[in-house]
N, C-alpha and C. Protein backbone atom coordinates (compact mmCIF):
# COMPACT_ATOMS: atom_id res chain seq x y z
N MET A 1 -33.92 3.10 13.22
CA MET A 1 -32.55 3.25 12.76
C MET A 1 -31.72 3.90 13.88
N ALA A 2 -30.51 3.43 14.03
CA ALA A 2 -29.64 3.96 15.08
C ALA A 2 -29.19 5.38 14.73
N GLU A 3 -28.96 6.14 15.77
CA GLU A 3 -28.47 7.50 15.54
C GLU A 3 -26.99 7.44 15.17
N PHE A 4 -26.60 8.26 14.24
CA PHE A 4 -25.22 8.33 13.80
C PHE A 4 -24.66 9.70 14.14
N LYS A 5 -23.50 9.70 14.77
CA LYS A 5 -22.83 10.96 15.07
C LYS A 5 -21.54 10.98 14.26
N HIS A 6 -21.41 11.99 13.43
CA HIS A 6 -20.25 12.11 12.56
C HIS A 6 -18.96 12.16 13.37
N GLY A 7 -17.98 11.33 12.97
CA GLY A 7 -16.68 11.33 13.63
C GLY A 7 -16.57 10.37 14.79
N THR A 8 -17.56 9.52 15.02
CA THR A 8 -17.50 8.61 16.17
C THR A 8 -17.09 7.19 15.79
N MET A 9 -16.98 6.90 14.50
CA MET A 9 -16.63 5.55 14.06
C MET A 9 -15.15 5.27 14.30
N ASP A 10 -14.85 4.07 14.79
CA ASP A 10 -13.46 3.66 15.00
C ASP A 10 -12.88 3.19 13.66
N THR A 11 -11.90 3.91 13.16
CA THR A 11 -11.33 3.59 11.85
C THR A 11 -9.95 2.96 11.95
N GLU A 12 -9.59 2.46 13.12
CA GLU A 12 -8.26 1.89 13.31
C GLU A 12 -7.99 0.71 12.37
N ALA A 13 -8.96 -0.17 12.19
CA ALA A 13 -8.78 -1.33 11.32
C ALA A 13 -8.58 -0.89 9.87
N GLN A 14 -9.36 0.09 9.42
CA GLN A 14 -9.21 0.57 8.05
C GLN A 14 -7.85 1.24 7.85
N GLU A 15 -7.40 1.99 8.85
CA GLU A 15 -6.11 2.66 8.74
C GLU A 15 -4.97 1.64 8.67
N LYS A 16 -5.05 0.56 9.45
CA LYS A 16 -4.03 -0.48 9.41
C LYS A 16 -4.03 -1.18 8.06
N THR A 17 -5.22 -1.46 7.53
CA THR A 17 -5.32 -2.11 6.22
C THR A 17 -4.73 -1.22 5.13
N PHE A 18 -5.07 0.06 5.15
CA PHE A 18 -4.55 0.98 4.14
C PHE A 18 -3.04 1.13 4.26
N SER A 19 -2.53 1.18 5.49
CA SER A 19 -1.09 1.27 5.70
C SER A 19 -0.39 0.04 5.12
N GLY A 20 -0.95 -1.13 5.35
CA GLY A 20 -0.38 -2.35 4.78
C GLY A 20 -0.41 -2.34 3.27
N PHE A 21 -1.50 -1.84 2.70
CA PHE A 21 -1.61 -1.73 1.25
C PHE A 21 -0.55 -0.80 0.68
N VAL A 22 -0.35 0.34 1.31
CA VAL A 22 0.64 1.30 0.84
C VAL A 22 2.04 0.71 0.91
N LYS A 23 2.36 0.00 2.00
CA LYS A 23 3.66 -0.64 2.13
C LYS A 23 3.87 -1.69 1.05
N THR A 24 2.84 -2.48 0.78
CA THR A 24 2.94 -3.51 -0.25
C THR A 24 3.17 -2.90 -1.62
N VAL A 25 2.44 -1.85 -1.95
CA VAL A 25 2.61 -1.19 -3.24
C VAL A 25 4.01 -0.60 -3.35
N LYS A 26 4.49 0.02 -2.27
CA LYS A 26 5.81 0.64 -2.28
C LYS A 26 6.90 -0.40 -2.54
N TRP A 27 6.88 -1.50 -1.78
CA TRP A 27 7.93 -2.50 -1.92
C TRP A 27 7.82 -3.28 -3.23
N THR A 28 6.61 -3.49 -3.71
CA THR A 28 6.45 -4.14 -5.01
C THR A 28 7.00 -3.24 -6.12
N SER A 29 6.74 -1.96 -6.04
CA SER A 29 7.25 -1.01 -7.04
C SER A 29 8.77 -0.98 -7.02
N ILE A 30 9.35 -0.96 -5.84
CA ILE A 30 10.81 -0.96 -5.72
C ILE A 30 11.39 -2.24 -6.32
N ALA A 31 10.78 -3.38 -6.02
CA ALA A 31 11.26 -4.66 -6.55
C ALA A 31 11.18 -4.69 -8.08
N ILE A 32 10.10 -4.17 -8.64
CA ILE A 32 9.96 -4.15 -10.10
C ILE A 32 11.01 -3.24 -10.73
N ILE A 33 11.25 -2.08 -10.14
CA ILE A 33 12.26 -1.16 -10.67
C ILE A 33 13.64 -1.80 -10.63
N ILE A 34 13.98 -2.45 -9.52
CA ILE A 34 15.28 -3.12 -9.41
C ILE A 34 15.38 -4.23 -10.45
N PHE A 35 14.31 -4.99 -10.63
CA PHE A 35 14.31 -6.06 -11.62
C PHE A 35 14.50 -5.51 -13.03
N LEU A 36 13.84 -4.40 -13.35
CA LEU A 36 13.99 -3.80 -14.68
C LEU A 36 15.40 -3.27 -14.89
N ILE A 37 16.00 -2.69 -13.87
CA ILE A 37 17.39 -2.22 -13.97
C ILE A 37 18.31 -3.41 -14.21
N PHE A 38 18.08 -4.50 -13.48
CA PHE A 38 18.87 -5.72 -13.65
C PHE A 38 18.74 -6.23 -15.09
N LEU A 39 17.53 -6.27 -15.62
CA LEU A 39 17.33 -6.73 -16.99
C LEU A 39 18.04 -5.82 -17.99
N ALA A 40 18.02 -4.52 -17.75
CA ALA A 40 18.68 -3.59 -18.65
C ALA A 40 20.19 -3.79 -18.64
N ILE A 41 20.75 -4.08 -17.47
CA ILE A 41 22.20 -4.29 -17.36
C ILE A 41 22.61 -5.61 -18.00
N VAL A 42 21.91 -6.68 -17.67
CA VAL A 42 22.27 -8.02 -18.15
C VAL A 42 21.90 -8.19 -19.62
N GLY A 43 20.75 -7.71 -20.02
CA GLY A 43 20.30 -7.93 -21.39
C GLY A 43 20.80 -6.91 -22.39
N GLY A 44 21.37 -5.83 -21.88
CA GLY A 44 21.72 -4.73 -22.75
C GLY A 44 23.04 -4.85 -23.38
């Protein structure tokens, strides 16, 4: 088995993926909130 040294793994790909996920969740949440406000104004 290969030796493992804590803190030596390159996590750049994981960080980019997580950053993309956070951006997607943020913008999707904003879009849903705007859509709900629009529905409240038009349907109300």
